[in-house]
N, C-alpha and C. Protein backbone atom coordinates (compact mmCIF):
# COMPACT_ATOMS: atom_id res chain seq x y z
N UNK A 1 119.83 200.11 148.67
CA UNK A 1 121.16 200.50 149.10
C UNK A 1 121.03 201.40 150.33
N UNK A 2 121.77 201.11 151.37
CA UNK A 2 121.69 201.91 152.59
C UNK A 2 122.58 203.12 152.49
N UNK A 3 122.35 204.07 153.42
CA UNK A 3 123.17 205.29 153.43
C UNK A 3 124.64 204.97 153.65
N UNK A 4 124.91 204.02 154.52
CA UNK A 4 126.29 203.66 154.82
C UNK A 4 127.00 203.12 153.58
N UNK A 5 126.35 202.28 152.82
CA UNK A 5 127.00 201.72 151.64
C UNK A 5 127.20 202.77 150.55
N UNK A 6 126.30 203.76 150.48
CA UNK A 6 126.47 204.84 149.51
C UNK A 6 127.72 205.65 149.86
N UNK A 7 127.89 205.99 151.15
CA UNK A 7 129.07 206.75 151.56
C UNK A 7 130.34 205.94 151.39
N UNK A 8 130.28 204.65 151.64
CA UNK A 8 131.46 203.80 151.45
C UNK A 8 131.86 203.79 149.97
N UNK A 9 130.86 203.73 149.08
CA UNK A 9 131.16 203.76 147.65
C UNK A 9 131.79 205.09 147.25
N UNK A 10 131.29 206.20 147.79
CA UNK A 10 131.86 207.51 147.47
C UNK A 10 133.29 207.64 147.98
N UNK A 11 133.56 207.11 149.17
CA UNK A 11 134.93 207.17 149.70
C UNK A 11 135.88 206.34 148.85
N UNK A 12 135.42 205.24 148.31
CA UNK A 12 136.25 204.43 147.42
C UNK A 12 136.59 205.21 146.16
N UNK A 13 135.65 205.98 145.65
CA UNK A 13 135.89 206.76 144.44
C UNK A 13 136.88 207.89 144.67
N UNK A 14 136.96 208.39 145.89
CA UNK A 14 137.85 209.52 146.19
C UNK A 14 139.28 209.10 146.45
N UNK A 15 139.54 207.83 146.67
CA UNK A 15 140.88 207.37 146.98
C UNK A 15 141.76 207.49 145.73
N UNK A 16 142.94 208.11 145.85
CA UNK A 16 143.83 208.24 144.69
C UNK A 16 144.21 206.86 144.13
N UNK A 17 144.21 206.75 142.83
CA UNK A 17 144.46 205.47 142.16
C UNK A 17 145.89 205.00 142.37
N UNK A 18 146.85 205.90 142.31
CA UNK A 18 148.25 205.51 142.40
C UNK A 18 148.76 205.40 143.83
N UNK A 19 147.95 205.77 144.83
CA UNK A 19 148.42 205.78 146.22
C UNK A 19 148.94 204.43 146.70
N UNK A 20 148.23 203.32 146.47
CA UNK A 20 148.78 202.03 146.95
C UNK A 20 150.09 201.65 146.27
N UNK A 21 150.27 202.06 145.03
CA UNK A 21 151.52 201.76 144.32
C UNK A 21 152.65 202.60 144.89
N UNK A 22 152.39 203.89 145.11
CA UNK A 22 153.43 204.79 145.60
C UNK A 22 153.85 204.43 147.02
N UNK A 23 152.95 203.86 147.81
CA UNK A 23 153.29 203.43 149.17
C UNK A 23 154.27 202.26 149.18
N UNK A 24 154.36 201.52 148.10
CA UNK A 24 155.22 200.35 148.02
C UNK A 24 156.46 200.72 147.19
N UNK A 25 157.54 201.10 147.87
CA UNK A 25 158.75 201.56 147.16
C UNK A 25 159.36 200.53 146.23
N UNK A 26 159.49 199.26 146.63
CA UNK A 26 160.06 198.28 145.68
C UNK A 26 159.21 198.15 144.41
N UNK A 27 157.90 198.21 144.56
CA UNK A 27 157.03 198.15 143.39
C UNK A 27 157.22 199.38 142.51
N UNK A 28 157.38 200.56 143.14
CA UNK A 28 157.64 201.79 142.38
C UNK A 28 158.92 201.65 141.57
N UNK A 29 159.98 201.17 142.22
CA UNK A 29 161.25 201.00 141.51
C UNK A 29 161.11 200.02 140.35
N UNK A 30 160.41 198.93 140.57
CA UNK A 30 160.22 197.94 139.52
C UNK A 30 159.45 198.48 138.33
N UNK A 31 158.34 199.17 138.60
CA UNK A 31 157.52 199.72 137.51
C UNK A 31 158.29 200.81 136.76
N UNK A 32 158.93 201.70 137.52
CA UNK A 32 159.67 202.80 136.88
C UNK A 32 160.83 202.26 136.03
N UNK A 33 161.55 201.29 136.57
CA UNK A 33 162.68 200.72 135.83
C UNK A 33 162.22 200.02 134.56
N UNK A 34 161.16 199.22 134.68
CA UNK A 34 160.64 198.52 133.49
C UNK A 34 160.16 199.53 132.44
N UNK A 35 159.48 200.58 132.88
CA UNK A 35 158.99 201.60 131.94
C UNK A 35 160.13 202.33 131.25
N UNK A 36 161.15 202.70 132.03
CA UNK A 36 162.29 203.41 131.45
C UNK A 36 163.05 202.52 130.47
N UNK A 37 163.24 201.26 130.82
CA UNK A 37 163.93 200.33 129.91
C UNK A 37 163.12 200.16 128.62
N UNK A 38 161.82 199.97 128.74
CA UNK A 38 160.96 199.78 127.56
C UNK A 38 161.02 200.99 126.63
N UNK A 39 160.89 202.18 127.21
CA UNK A 39 160.91 203.40 126.39
C UNK A 39 162.27 203.58 125.73
N UNK A 40 163.35 203.33 126.46
CA UNK A 40 164.68 203.49 125.88
C UNK A 40 164.96 202.47 124.78
N UNK A 41 164.54 201.23 124.97
CA UNK A 41 164.71 200.23 123.92
C UNK A 41 163.97 200.65 122.64
N UNK A 42 162.76 201.14 122.82
CA UNK A 42 161.97 201.57 121.65
C UNK A 42 162.60 202.79 121.00
N UNK A 43 163.06 203.74 121.82
CA UNK A 43 163.67 204.96 121.27
C UNK A 43 164.93 204.65 120.48
N UNK A 44 165.66 203.62 120.90
CA UNK A 44 166.90 203.25 120.21
C UNK A 44 166.65 202.25 119.08
N UNK A 45 165.39 201.96 118.78
CA UNK A 45 164.98 201.02 117.73
C UNK A 45 165.54 199.61 117.98
N UNK A 46 165.64 199.24 119.25
CA UNK A 46 166.05 197.89 119.63
C UNK A 46 164.82 197.07 119.95
N UNK A 47 164.93 195.74 119.90
CA UNK A 47 163.75 194.92 120.23
C UNK A 47 163.32 195.16 121.68
N UNK A 48 162.03 195.42 121.86
CA UNK A 48 161.48 195.68 123.19
C UNK A 48 160.46 194.60 123.52
N UNK A 49 159.94 194.65 124.74
CA UNK A 49 158.95 193.66 125.16
C UNK A 49 157.65 193.86 124.40
N UNK A 50 157.08 192.76 123.96
CA UNK A 50 155.78 192.80 123.28
C UNK A 50 154.70 192.34 124.24
N UNK A 51 153.50 192.76 123.98
CA UNK A 51 152.36 192.30 124.75
C UNK A 51 152.18 190.80 124.54
N UNK A 52 151.93 190.04 125.61
CA UNK A 52 151.71 188.60 125.44
C UNK A 52 150.51 188.30 124.53
N UNK A 53 149.45 189.07 124.64
CA UNK A 53 148.27 188.87 123.81
C UNK A 53 148.60 189.08 122.34
N UNK A 54 149.32 190.15 122.06
CA UNK A 54 149.71 190.43 120.67
C UNK A 54 150.67 189.36 120.15
N UNK A 55 151.58 188.94 121.00
CA UNK A 55 152.57 187.95 120.57
C UNK A 55 151.95 186.59 120.29
N UNK A 56 151.02 186.16 121.16
CA UNK A 56 150.42 184.84 121.00
C UNK A 56 149.38 184.77 119.88
N UNK A 57 148.51 185.78 119.84
CA UNK A 57 147.37 185.71 118.92
C UNK A 57 147.47 186.66 117.73
N UNK A 58 148.42 187.59 117.77
CA UNK A 58 148.59 188.52 116.66
C UNK A 58 147.53 189.59 116.57
N UNK A 59 146.73 189.75 117.62
CA UNK A 59 145.71 190.79 117.60
C UNK A 59 146.14 191.94 118.51
N UNK A 60 145.89 193.16 118.10
CA UNK A 60 146.29 194.30 118.93
C UNK A 60 145.48 194.36 120.22
N UNK A 61 146.15 194.80 121.28
CA UNK A 61 145.47 194.97 122.56
C UNK A 61 145.40 196.46 122.88
N UNK A 62 144.77 196.84 123.99
CA UNK A 62 144.62 198.27 124.31
C UNK A 62 145.95 199.00 124.52
N UNK A 63 147.02 198.29 124.79
CA UNK A 63 148.31 198.95 125.01
C UNK A 63 149.15 199.09 123.76
N UNK A 64 148.71 198.53 122.65
CA UNK A 64 149.50 198.60 121.42
C UNK A 64 149.74 200.05 121.01
N UNK A 65 150.99 200.35 120.73
CA UNK A 65 151.36 201.70 120.29
C UNK A 65 151.68 202.64 121.44
N UNK A 66 151.48 202.21 122.68
CA UNK A 66 151.70 203.10 123.81
C UNK A 66 153.16 203.49 123.97
N UNK A 67 154.08 202.56 123.83
CA UNK A 67 155.50 202.88 123.99
C UNK A 67 155.95 203.82 122.87
N UNK A 68 155.56 203.54 121.64
CA UNK A 68 155.92 204.43 120.53
C UNK A 68 155.32 205.81 120.74
N UNK A 69 154.11 205.86 121.29
CA UNK A 69 153.45 207.15 121.56
C UNK A 69 154.20 207.92 122.64
N UNK A 70 154.68 207.24 123.68
CA UNK A 70 155.43 207.91 124.74
C UNK A 70 156.76 208.42 124.20
N UNK A 71 157.42 207.63 123.36
CA UNK A 71 158.68 208.07 122.75
C UNK A 71 158.44 209.33 121.91
N UNK A 72 157.39 209.32 121.09
CA UNK A 72 157.07 210.50 120.27
C UNK A 72 156.75 211.70 121.16
N UNK A 73 156.04 211.47 122.25
CA UNK A 73 155.70 212.55 123.18
C UNK A 73 156.95 213.13 123.82
N UNK A 74 157.87 212.28 124.23
CA UNK A 74 159.11 212.76 124.83
C UNK A 74 160.00 213.50 123.83
N UNK A 75 159.83 213.18 122.57
CA UNK A 75 160.57 213.91 121.52
C UNK A 75 159.87 215.21 121.14
N UNK A 76 158.68 215.44 121.68
CA UNK A 76 157.95 216.68 121.43
C UNK A 76 156.97 216.61 120.27
N UNK A 77 156.76 215.45 119.71
CA UNK A 77 155.85 215.28 118.58
C UNK A 77 154.48 214.83 119.08
N UNK A 78 153.69 215.81 119.53
CA UNK A 78 152.37 215.53 120.11
C UNK A 78 151.43 214.87 119.12
N UNK A 79 151.41 215.33 117.90
CA UNK A 79 150.48 214.81 116.91
C UNK A 79 150.73 213.33 116.64
N UNK A 80 151.97 212.96 116.43
CA UNK A 80 152.30 211.55 116.22
C UNK A 80 151.99 210.73 117.46
N UNK A 81 152.30 211.29 118.62
CA UNK A 81 152.03 210.60 119.88
C UNK A 81 150.55 210.28 120.03
N UNK A 82 149.71 211.26 119.80
CA UNK A 82 148.27 211.04 119.93
C UNK A 82 147.72 210.15 118.83
N UNK A 83 148.41 210.08 117.70
CA UNK A 83 148.00 209.17 116.64
C UNK A 83 148.28 207.72 117.03
N UNK A 84 149.43 207.48 117.67
CA UNK A 84 149.76 206.12 118.11
C UNK A 84 148.85 205.67 119.25
N UNK A 85 148.69 206.54 120.28
CA UNK A 85 147.89 206.15 121.45
C UNK A 85 147.43 207.41 122.18
N UNK A 86 146.13 207.54 122.34
CA UNK A 86 145.54 208.75 122.94
C UNK A 86 145.94 208.91 124.41
N UNK A 87 146.17 207.81 125.12
CA UNK A 87 146.45 207.89 126.55
C UNK A 87 147.94 208.03 126.88
N UNK A 88 148.78 208.29 125.90
CA UNK A 88 150.22 208.42 126.15
C UNK A 88 150.53 209.53 127.15
N UNK A 89 149.94 210.72 127.06
CA UNK A 89 150.24 211.74 128.07
C UNK A 89 149.86 211.30 129.48
N UNK A 90 148.74 210.63 129.61
CA UNK A 90 148.29 210.16 130.92
C UNK A 90 149.26 209.12 131.50
N UNK A 91 149.70 208.18 130.67
CA UNK A 91 150.63 207.16 131.14
C UNK A 91 152.01 207.76 131.43
N UNK A 92 152.41 208.77 130.67
CA UNK A 92 153.68 209.43 130.92
C UNK A 92 153.66 210.11 132.28
N UNK A 93 152.57 210.78 132.59
CA UNK A 93 152.43 211.42 133.90
C UNK A 93 152.39 210.37 135.01
N UNK A 94 151.65 209.29 134.80
CA UNK A 94 151.54 208.24 135.82
C UNK A 94 152.90 207.60 136.11
N UNK A 95 153.65 207.26 135.07
CA UNK A 95 154.97 206.65 135.27
C UNK A 95 155.91 207.65 135.93
N UNK A 96 155.78 208.92 135.60
CA UNK A 96 156.62 209.95 136.24
C UNK A 96 156.30 210.05 137.73
N UNK A 97 155.03 210.01 138.08
CA UNK A 97 154.63 210.06 139.49
C UNK A 97 155.15 208.83 140.23
N UNK A 98 155.05 207.67 139.61
CA UNK A 98 155.55 206.44 140.24
C UNK A 98 157.07 206.51 140.42
N UNK A 99 157.78 207.03 139.42
CA UNK A 99 159.24 207.17 139.53
C UNK A 99 159.60 208.16 140.64
N UNK A 100 158.85 209.24 140.75
CA UNK A 100 159.09 210.19 141.84
C UNK A 100 158.81 209.56 143.20
N UNK A 101 157.78 208.73 143.26
CA UNK A 101 157.47 208.02 144.49
C UNK A 101 158.61 207.11 144.93
N UNK A 102 159.34 206.58 143.99
CA UNK A 102 160.48 205.72 144.30
C UNK A 102 161.71 206.53 144.66
N UNK A 103 161.88 207.68 144.03
CA UNK A 103 163.11 208.46 144.19
C UNK A 103 163.07 209.41 145.39
N UNK A 104 161.91 209.93 145.74
CA UNK A 104 161.83 210.88 146.84
C UNK A 104 162.04 210.17 148.17
N UNK A 105 162.53 210.90 149.17
CA UNK A 105 162.73 210.27 150.48
C UNK A 105 161.42 209.77 151.08
N UNK A 106 161.52 208.68 151.82
CA UNK A 106 160.33 208.10 152.46
C UNK A 106 159.85 209.00 153.59
N UNK A 107 158.56 209.00 153.80
CA UNK A 107 157.97 209.78 154.86
C UNK A 107 158.34 209.17 156.22
N UNK A 108 158.54 210.01 157.20
CA UNK A 108 158.87 209.53 158.55
C UNK A 108 157.63 209.38 159.42
N UNK A 109 156.48 209.67 158.87
CA UNK A 109 155.24 209.65 159.65
C UNK A 109 154.49 208.35 159.46
N UNK A 110 155.05 207.24 159.75
CA UNK A 110 154.33 205.96 159.61
C UNK A 110 154.23 205.25 160.92
């Protein structure tokens, strides 16, 4: 491995994960809207979107329980939230950042 490729790999690791999503306002609106609808449907005990993998094969996937965990987290029940899905706080913060990226005014420096 050359020095140049090592530095290129390090620069890739330093790039914020959500930056490309936040730069795309329509994508931000779509993700935020879908997330808000999903959480509200679950909070109101209405039928919500299921994972295609879970629906087709009946096996749980890595996202199973995430919406219920976020609802419990928003209600202030940390223990139940972490029982449903450990990454609920992380996804709640990520969706909040994406929603802020859609709602805040666009930068004029482009």
